[in-house]
Amino acid sequence: MSSTVRRAAVRRAAAVLVAVSALGLTACGPSEDGAAGAPTASATSGTSSATPDATATAAPTTDAPKPSAPKAPKPTAAPGTTKTAKPSTGPDYDVFPCSTFDVTFKAELAEPTTSSYLLKVTNKSGKACRALGHPIVTFGDLDGAAHQVGAAPGIEDALLLKPGQTAYAGLTGGAGGAGSKTVSFIKLTMDTESDLTQTPLKATTPGFHVSDKSSVTPWVDNAEDALSIG
């Protein structure tokens, strides 16, 4: 065989191989299209990246102010149930009765013929007190006390003695005679309307005649009235 014939045969065989190879590539096309599927993944990735990050873009959370509870209306008094204010009792309603611890005591001769004496007590304390009722007068070492004459006000209206003020009462003994006794001093305690134990106050009364008619008036605020009661 000539060299020319051999070359032609070789070319034909090469052409056949090329054609067969081309057919093989065409048959393998679907498996090599993996790259075509890539856009799908890329699209998916694109879609995923297009979705905003919920954490990053979430609106800031703020606590809404809590509504305050409504105040309950104040109850109003029903008609006819309004209380009436009590009247003031005044600044001296709680003043205590005077005792012998609060006062000084003097007895001055007012009328010798009747053995009448003016009794005086003066508030020596630093607070006000009330001279209640009548003085309680006893005679020296004798038993018994002077009779009380004249009306005395109640405790709420009793004579108020501020520090340094004086209350007066009249003591009448009686004329000397049969049955009378003479003492040189008298003793006085104050009416406190209580069981307070007091120390009697003493005053000298030379030649005072004591009888069953010896009497004492209530406390007043002046000497004239003290000696005119009875």
C-alpha atoms as a PDB file:
ATOM      1  CA  MET A   1       0.000   0.000   0.000  1.00  0.00           C
ATOM      2  CA  SER A   2       1.197   3.307  -0.937  1.00  0.00           C
ATOM      3  CA  SER A   3       1.966   6.039   1.541  1.00  0.00           C
ATOM      4  CA  THR A   4      -0.759   8.176   0.087  1.00  0.00           C
ATOM      5  CA  VAL A   5      -3.382   5.542   0.771  1.00  0.00           C
ATOM      6  CA  ARG A   6      -2.147   5.138   4.371  1.00  0.00           C
ATOM      7  CA  ARG A   7      -2.423   8.820   5.060  1.00  0.00           C
ATOM      8  CA  ALA A   8      -5.986   8.905   3.829  1.00  0.00           C
ATOM      9  CA  ALA A   9      -6.904   5.993   6.052  1.00  0.00           C
ATOM     10  CA  VAL A  10      -5.360   7.703   9.057  1.00  0.00           C
ATOM     11  CA  ARG A  11      -7.333  10.879   8.404  1.00  0.00           C
ATOM     12  CA  ARG A  12     -10.574   8.973   8.189  1.00  0.00           C
ATOM     13  CA  ALA A  13      -9.888   7.187  11.432  1.00  0.00           C
ATOM     14  CA  ALA A  14      -9.107  10.519  13.125  1.00  0.00           C
ATOM     15  CA  ALA A  15     -12.299  12.034  11.789  1.00  0.00           C
ATOM     16  CA  VAL A  16     -14.290   9.099  13.121  1.00  0.00           C
ATOM     17  CA  LEU A  17     -12.699   9.547  16.563  1.00  0.00           C
ATOM     18  CA  VAL A  18     -13.516  13.244  16.555  1.00  0.00           C
ATOM     19  CA  ALA A  19     -17.139  12.537  15.693  1.00  0.00           C
ATOM     20  CA  VAL A  20     -17.407   9.874  18.351  1.00  0.00           C
ATOM     21  CA  SER A  21     -15.878  12.213  20.908  1.00  0.00           C
ATOM     22  CA  ALA A  22     -18.361  14.947  19.984  1.00  0.00           C
ATOM     23  CA  LEU A  23     -21.285  12.585  20.448  1.00  0.00           C
ATOM     24  CA  GLY A  24     -19.872  11.539  23.853  1.00  0.00           C
ATOM     25  CA  LEU A  25     -19.714  15.155  25.028  1.00  0.00           C
ATOM     26  CA  THR A  26     -23.274  15.771  23.943  1.00  0.00           C
ATOM     27  CA  ALA A  27     -24.486  12.712  25.797  1.00  0.00           C
ATOM     28  CA  CYS A  28     -22.733  13.875  28.982  1.00  0.00           C
ATOM     29  CA  GLY A  29     -24.264  17.380  28.845  1.00  0.00           C
ATOM     30  CA  PRO A  30     -26.876  17.053  31.658  1.00  0.00           C
ATOM     31  CA  SER A  31     -24.289  15.866  34.157  1.00  0.00           C
ATOM     32  CA  GLU A  32     -21.998  18.743  33.338  1.00  0.00           C
ATOM     33  CA  ASP A  33     -24.684  21.341  33.778  1.00  0.00           C
ATOM     34  CA  GLY A  34     -23.969  21.475  37.495  1.00  0.00           C
ATOM     35  CA  ALA A  35     -22.859  24.982  36.831  1.00  0.00           C
ATOM     36  CA  ALA A  36     -26.392  25.726  35.600  1.00  0.00           C
ATOM     37  CA  GLY A  37     -27.694  24.736  39.007  1.00  0.00           C
ATOM     38  CA  ALA A  38     -25.337  27.225  40.597  1.00  0.00           C
ATOM     39  CA  PRO A  39     -27.573  30.194  39.864  1.00  0.00           C
ATOM     40  CA  THR A  40     -30.262  28.486  41.886  1.00  0.00           C
ATOM     41  CA  ALA A  41     -27.960  28.236  44.912  1.00  0.00           C
ATOM     42  CA  SER A  42     -26.761  31.753  44.249  1.00  0.00           C
ATOM     43  CA  ALA A  43     -30.328  32.942  44.013  1.00  0.00           C
ATOM     44  CA  THR A  44     -31.129  31.186  47.222  1.00  0.00           C
ATOM     45  CA  SER A  45     -28.106  32.780  48.787  1.00  0.00           C
ATOM     46  CA  GLY A  46     -29.151  36.114  47.378  1.00  0.00           C
ATOM     47  CA  THR A  47     -32.648  35.690  48.749  1.00  0.00           C
ATOM     48  CA  SER A  48     -31.241  34.731  52.117  1.00  0.00           C
ATOM     49  CA  SER A  49     -28.930  37.738  52.186  1.00  0.00           C
ATOM     50  CA  ALA A  50     -31.779  39.995  51.120  1.00  0.00           C
ATOM     51  CA  THR A  51     -33.742  39.000  54.222  1.00  0.00           C
ATOM     52  CA  PRO A  52     -32.982  41.584  56.968  1.00  0.00           C
ATOM     53  CA  ASP A  53     -31.409  40.305  60.143  1.00  0.00           C
ATOM     54  CA  ALA A  54     -34.239  40.181  62.686  1.00  0.00           C
ATOM     55  CA  THR A  55     -31.868  40.899  65.537  1.00  0.00           C
ATOM     56  CA  ALA A  56     -30.087  43.778  63.854  1.00  0.00           C
ATOM     57  CA  THR A  57     -33.156  45.556  62.473  1.00  0.00           C
ATOM     58  CA  ALA A  58     -35.635  44.869  65.305  1.00  0.00           C
ATOM     59  CA  ALA A  59     -37.215  48.051  66.607  1.00  0.00           C
ATOM     60  CA  PRO A  60     -35.967  49.012  70.090  1.00  0.00           C
ATOM     61  CA  THR A  61     -38.224  47.795  72.831  1.00  0.00           C
ATOM     62  CA  THR A  62     -39.368  50.432  75.342  1.00  0.00           C
ATOM     63  CA  ASP A  63     -41.463  49.841  78.403  1.00  0.00           C
ATOM     64  CA  ALA A  64     -44.745  51.598  77.969  1.00  0.00           C
ATOM     65  CA  PRO A  65     -45.585  53.781  81.015  1.00  0.00           C
ATOM     66  CA  LYS A  66     -48.005  52.057  83.324  1.00  0.00           C
ATOM     67  CA  PRO A  67     -51.231  53.963  83.784  1.00  0.00           C
ATOM     68  CA  SER A  68     -51.625  55.281  87.343  1.00  0.00           C
ATOM     69  CA  ALA A  69     -54.469  53.867  89.340  1.00  0.00           C
ATOM     70  CA  PRO A  70     -57.349  56.315  89.665  1.00  0.00           C
ATOM     71  CA  LYS A  71     -57.744  57.783  93.159  1.00  0.00           C
ATOM     72  CA  ALA A  72     -60.831  56.772  95.010  1.00  0.00           C
ATOM     73  CA  PRO A  73     -63.154  59.711  95.636  1.00  0.00           C
ATOM     74  CA  LYS A  74     -63.383  60.874  99.237  1.00  0.00           C
ATOM     75  CA  PRO A  75     -66.601  59.766 100.872  1.00  0.00           C
ATOM     76  CA  THR A  76     -69.019  62.517 101.542  1.00  0.00           C
ATOM     77  CA  ALA A  77     -71.158  62.557 104.623  1.00  0.00           C
ATOM     78  CA  ALA A  78     -74.738  61.641 104.095  1.00  0.00           C
ATOM     79  CA  PRO A  79     -77.235  64.434 104.680  1.00  0.00           C
ATOM     80  CA  GLY A  80     -78.073  64.850 108.317  1.00  0.00           C
ATOM     81  CA  THR A  81     -74.926  63.042 109.576  1.00  0.00           C
ATOM     82  CA  THR A  82     -72.579  66.040 109.853  1.00  0.00           C
ATOM     83  CA  LYS A  83     -71.069  66.265 113.324  1.00  0.00           C
ATOM     84  CA  THR A  84     -71.279  69.538 115.147  1.00  0.00           C
ATOM     85  CA  ALA A  85     -68.016  70.787 116.658  1.00  0.00           C
ATOM     86  CA  LYS A  86     -67.990  70.887 120.419  1.00  0.00           C
ATOM     87  CA  PRO A  87     -67.604  74.309 121.951  1.00  0.00           C
ATOM     88  CA  SER A  88     -64.201  75.158 123.384  1.00  0.00           C
ATOM     89  CA  THR A  89     -63.851  74.590 127.083  1.00  0.00           C
ATOM     90  CA  GLY A  90     -61.469  77.541 127.416  1.00  0.00           C
ATOM     91  CA  PRO A  91     -57.816  77.715 128.443  1.00  0.00           C
ATOM     92  CA  ASP A  92     -58.479  77.207 132.188  1.00  0.00           C
ATOM     93  CA  TYR A  93     -60.647  74.096 132.107  1.00  0.00           C
ATOM     94  CA  ASP A  94     -57.830  71.822 133.334  1.00  0.00           C
ATOM     95  CA  VAL A  95     -56.613  74.033 136.228  1.00  0.00           C
ATOM     96  CA  PHE A  96     -56.319  72.003 139.433  1.00  0.00           C
ATOM     97  CA  PRO A  97     -57.612  73.016 142.879  1.00  0.00           C
ATOM     98  CA  CYS A  98     -55.227  74.891 145.155  1.00  0.00           C
ATOM     99  CA  SER A  99     -53.769  72.926 148.056  1.00  0.00           C
ATOM    100  CA  THR A 100     -51.723  74.086 151.023  1.00  0.00           C
ATOM    101  CA  PHE A 101     -48.641  73.264 148.948  1.00  0.00           C
ATOM    102  CA  ASP A 102     -49.589  76.019 146.480  1.00  0.00           C
ATOM    103  CA  VAL A 103     -50.401  78.946 148.780  1.00  0.00           C
ATOM    104  CA  THR A 104     -49.264  81.056 151.709  1.00  0.00           C
ATOM    105  CA  PHE A 105     -51.735  81.849 154.516  1.00  0.00           C
ATOM    106  CA  LYS A 106     -52.379  84.890 156.724  1.00  0.00           C
ATOM    107  CA  ALA A 107     -55.107  85.815 159.218  1.00  0.00           C
ATOM    108  CA  GLU A 108     -55.729  89.470 160.039  1.00  0.00           C
ATOM    109  CA  LEU A 109     -58.003  90.711 162.830  1.00  0.00           C
ATOM    110  CA  ALA A 110     -60.971  92.507 161.284  1.00  0.00           C
ATOM    111  CA  GLU A 111     -63.397  93.012 164.219  1.00  0.00           C
ATOM    112  CA  PRO A 112     -62.242  92.400 167.819  1.00  0.00           C
ATOM    113  CA  THR A 113     -65.724  92.349 169.393  1.00  0.00           C
ATOM    114  CA  THR A 114     -66.805  89.368 167.330  1.00  0.00           C
ATOM    115  CA  SER A 115     -63.371  87.809 166.928  1.00  0.00           C
ATOM    116  CA  SER A 116     -63.686  88.263 163.160  1.00  0.00           C
ATOM    117  CA  TYR A 117     -60.615  87.616 161.049  1.00  0.00           C
ATOM    118  CA  LEU A 118     -59.870  88.162 157.394  1.00  0.00           C
ATOM    119  CA  LEU A 119     -58.259  85.020 155.956  1.00  0.00           C
ATOM    120  CA  LYS A 120     -55.983  85.377 152.937  1.00  0.00           C
ATOM    121  CA  VAL A 121     -54.277  82.797 150.768  1.00  0.00           C
ATOM    122  CA  THR A 122     -51.862  83.807 147.992  1.00  0.00           C
ATOM    123  CA  ASN A 123     -50.771  81.570 145.149  1.00  0.00           C
ATOM    124  CA  LYS A 124     -47.022  81.047 145.551  1.00  0.00           C
ATOM    125  CA  SER A 125     -46.683  78.392 142.854  1.00  0.00           C
ATOM    126  CA  GLY A 126     -45.689  78.977 139.265  1.00  0.00           C
ATOM    127  CA  LYS A 127     -49.041  77.825 137.901  1.00  0.00           C
ATOM    128  CA  ALA A 128     -52.663  78.807 138.259  1.00  0.00           C
ATOM    129  CA  CYS A 129     -54.966  76.949 140.630  1.00  0.00           C
ATOM    130  CA  ARG A 130     -58.547  77.248 141.851  1.00  0.00           C
ATOM    131  CA  ALA A 131     -59.595  78.161 145.389  1.00  0.00           C
ATOM    132  CA  LEU A 132     -62.506  75.771 145.830  1.00  0.00           C
ATOM    133  CA  GLY A 133     -65.487  76.247 148.128  1.00  0.00           C
ATOM    134  CA  HIS A 134     -64.702  77.241 151.707  1.00  0.00           C
ATOM    135  CA  PRO A 135     -61.498  77.106 153.691  1.00  0.00           C
ATOM    136  CA  ILE A 136     -61.352  74.298 156.259  1.00  0.00           C
ATOM    137  CA  VAL A 137     -60.489  75.985 159.569  1.00  0.00           C
ATOM    138  CA  THR A 138     -59.751  74.290 162.890  1.00  0.00           C
ATOM    139  CA  PHE A 139     -59.057  76.021 166.201  1.00  0.00           C
ATOM    140  CA  GLY A 140     -55.773  75.390 167.970  1.00  0.00           C
ATOM    141  CA  ASP A 141     -55.807  71.983 169.600  1.00  0.00           C
ATOM    142  CA  LEU A 142     -59.589  71.866 169.840  1.00  0.00           C
ATOM    143  CA  ASP A 143     -61.714  69.392 168.011  1.00  0.00           C
ATOM    144  CA  GLY A 144     -64.099  70.424 165.293  1.00  0.00           C
ATOM    145  CA  ALA A 145     -64.013  73.051 162.533  1.00  0.00           C
ATOM    146  CA  ALA A 146     -65.755  76.304 161.638  1.00  0.00           C
ATOM    147  CA  HIS A 147     -69.232  76.038 160.107  1.00  0.00           C
ATOM    148  CA  GLN A 148     -69.457  76.975 156.440  1.00  0.00           C
ATOM    149  CA  VAL A 149     -71.827  79.817 155.548  1.00  0.00           C
ATOM    150  CA  GLY A 150     -72.707  81.265 152.164  1.00  0.00           C
ATOM    151  CA  ALA A 151     -72.972  79.500 148.811  1.00  0.00           C
ATOM    152  CA  ALA A 152     -69.803  78.577 146.952  1.00  0.00           C
ATOM    153  CA  PRO A 153     -69.537  78.093 143.177  1.00  0.00           C
ATOM    154  CA  GLY A 154     -68.864  74.686 141.645  1.00  0.00           C
ATOM    155  CA  ILE A 155     -65.410  73.514 140.732  1.00  0.00           C
ATOM    156  CA  GLU A 156     -65.625  74.791 137.145  1.00  0.00           C
ATOM    157  CA  ASP A 157     -66.560  78.286 138.338  1.00  0.00           C
ATOM    158  CA  ALA A 158     -64.341  78.373 141.418  1.00  0.00           C
ATOM    159  CA  LEU A 159     -62.073  81.354 141.938  1.00  0.00           C
ATOM    160  CA  LEU A 160     -59.017  81.157 139.681  1.00  0.00           C
ATOM    161  CA  LEU A 161     -55.760  82.229 141.279  1.00  0.00           C
ATOM    162  CA  LYS A 162     -52.877  82.982 138.982  1.00  0.00           C
ATOM    163  CA  PRO A 163     -49.387  83.102 140.490  1.00  0.00           C
ATOM    164  CA  GLY A 164     -49.278  85.963 143.027  1.00  0.00           C
ATOM    165  CA  GLN A 165     -53.052  86.443 143.247  1.00  0.00           C
ATOM    166  CA  THR A 166     -54.954  86.290 146.559  1.00  0.00           C
ATOM    167  CA  ALA A 167     -58.288  84.841 147.681  1.00  0.00           C
ATOM    168  CA  TYR A 168     -60.187  86.066 150.760  1.00  0.00           C
ATOM    169  CA  ALA A 169     -62.569  84.532 153.303  1.00  0.00           C
ATOM    170  CA  GLY A 170     -64.121  85.794 156.551  1.00  0.00           C
ATOM    171  CA  LEU A 171     -63.835  83.920 159.831  1.00  0.00           C
ATOM    172  CA  THR A 172     -66.152  84.779 162.721  1.00  0.00           C
ATOM    173  CA  GLY A 173     -65.534  83.419 166.227  1.00  0.00           C
ATOM    174  CA  GLY A 174     -68.087  84.944 168.516  1.00  0.00           C
ATOM    175  CA  ALA A 175     -68.303  87.051 171.651  1.00  0.00           C
ATOM    176  CA  GLY A 176     -66.571  85.773 174.715  1.00  0.00           C
ATOM    177  CA  GLY A 177     -68.820  84.357 177.392  1.00  0.00           C
ATOM    178  CA  ALA A 178     -70.002  81.254 179.058  1.00  0.00           C
ATOM    179  CA  GLY A 179     -69.160  78.163 177.045  1.00  0.00           C
ATOM    180  CA  SER A 180     -66.660  79.892 174.765  1.00  0.00           C
ATOM    181  CA  LYS A 181     -62.998  78.980 174.535  1.00  0.00           C
ATOM    182  CA  THR A 182     -60.026  81.016 173.465  1.00  0.00           C
ATOM    183  CA  VAL A 183     -57.252  79.883 171.161  1.00  0.00           C
ATOM    184  CA  SER A 184     -54.059  81.600 170.068  1.00  0.00           C
ATOM    185  CA  PHE A 185     -53.823  80.067 166.585  1.00  0.00           C
ATOM    186  CA  ILE A 186     -55.893  78.475 163.875  1.00  0.00           C
ATOM    187  CA  LYS A 187     -55.009  75.955 161.187  1.00  0.00           C
ATOM    188  CA  LEU A 188     -56.205  75.945 157.587  1.00  0.00           C
ATOM    189  CA  THR A 189     -56.388  73.407 154.789  1.00  0.00           C
ATOM    190  CA  MET A 190     -57.820  73.855 151.285  1.00  0.00           C
ATOM    191  CA  ASP A 191     -60.789  72.052 149.791  1.00  0.00           C
ATOM    192  CA  THR A 192     -59.445  69.965 146.890  1.00  0.00           C
ATOM    193  CA  GLU A 193     -62.390  67.571 146.472  1.00  0.00           C
ATOM    194  CA  SER A 194     -59.873  64.752 146.708  1.00  0.00           C
ATOM    195  CA  ASP A 195     -58.110  62.589 149.267  1.00  0.00           C
ATOM    196  CA  LEU A 196     -54.886  64.570 148.939  1.00  0.00           C
ATOM    197  CA  THR A 197     -53.072  64.713 152.263  1.00  0.00           C
ATOM    198  CA  GLN A 198     -52.171  68.328 153.018  1.00  0.00           C
ATOM    199  CA  THR A 199     -49.983  69.971 155.605  1.00  0.00           C
ATOM    200  CA  PRO A 200     -52.168  72.454 157.558  1.00  0.00           C
ATOM    201  CA  LEU A 201     -51.080  76.096 157.440  1.00  0.00           C
ATOM    202  CA  LYS A 202     -51.003  77.922 160.797  1.00  0.00           C
ATOM    203  CA  ALA A 203     -51.769  81.570 161.573  1.00  0.00           C
ATOM    204  CA  THR A 204     -51.744  83.290 164.974  1.00  0.00           C
ATOM    205  CA  THR A 205     -55.073  84.600 166.324  1.00  0.00           C
ATOM    206  CA  PRO A 206     -54.486  85.944 169.859  1.00  0.00           C
ATOM    207  CA  GLY A 207     -57.644  85.899 171.974  1.00  0.00           C
ATOM    208  CA  PHE A 208     -59.823  84.278 169.316  1.00  0.00           C
ATOM    209  CA  HIS A 209     -63.115  83.214 170.889  1.00  0.00           C
ATOM    210  CA  VAL A 210     -64.389  79.852 169.686  1.00  0.00           C
ATOM    211  CA  SER A 211     -68.085  78.959 170.016  1.00  0.00           C
ATOM    212  CA  ASP A 212     -70.582  76.667 168.425  1.00  0.00           C
ATOM    213  CA  LYS A 213     -71.457  79.569 166.101  1.00  0.00           C
ATOM    214  CA  SER A 214     -67.964  80.069 164.717  1.00  0.00           C
ATOM    215  CA  SER A 215     -68.261  80.216 160.917  1.00  0.00           C
ATOM    216  CA  VAL A 216     -66.264  80.808 157.725  1.00  0.00           C
ATOM    217  CA  THR A 217     -67.324  82.208 154.321  1.00  0.00           C
ATOM    218  CA  PRO A 218     -66.380  80.893 150.832  1.00  0.00           C
ATOM    219  CA  TRP A 219     -63.338  82.168 148.975  1.00  0.00           C
ATOM    220  CA  VAL A 220     -63.912  85.419 147.062  1.00  0.00           C
ATOM    221  CA  ASP A 221     -61.669  87.830 145.206  1.00  0.00           C
ATOM    222  CA  ASN A 222     -61.926  90.836 147.598  1.00  0.00           C
ATOM    223  CA  ALA A 223     -61.810  91.513 151.339  1.00  0.00           C
ATOM    224  CA  GLU A 224     -65.053  93.488 151.555  1.00  0.00           C
ATOM    225  CA  ASP A 225     -67.211  90.667 150.246  1.00  0.00           C
ATOM    226  CA  ALA A 226     -65.398  88.179 152.430  1.00  0.00           C
ATOM    227  CA  LEU A 227     -66.355  90.052 155.594  1.00  0.00           C
ATOM    228  CA  SER A 228     -69.943  90.794 154.549  1.00  0.00           C
ATOM    229  CA  ILE A 229     -71.115  87.264 153.844  1.00  0.00           C
ATOM    230  CA  GLY A 230     -72.893  85.425 156.640  1.00  0.00           C
END
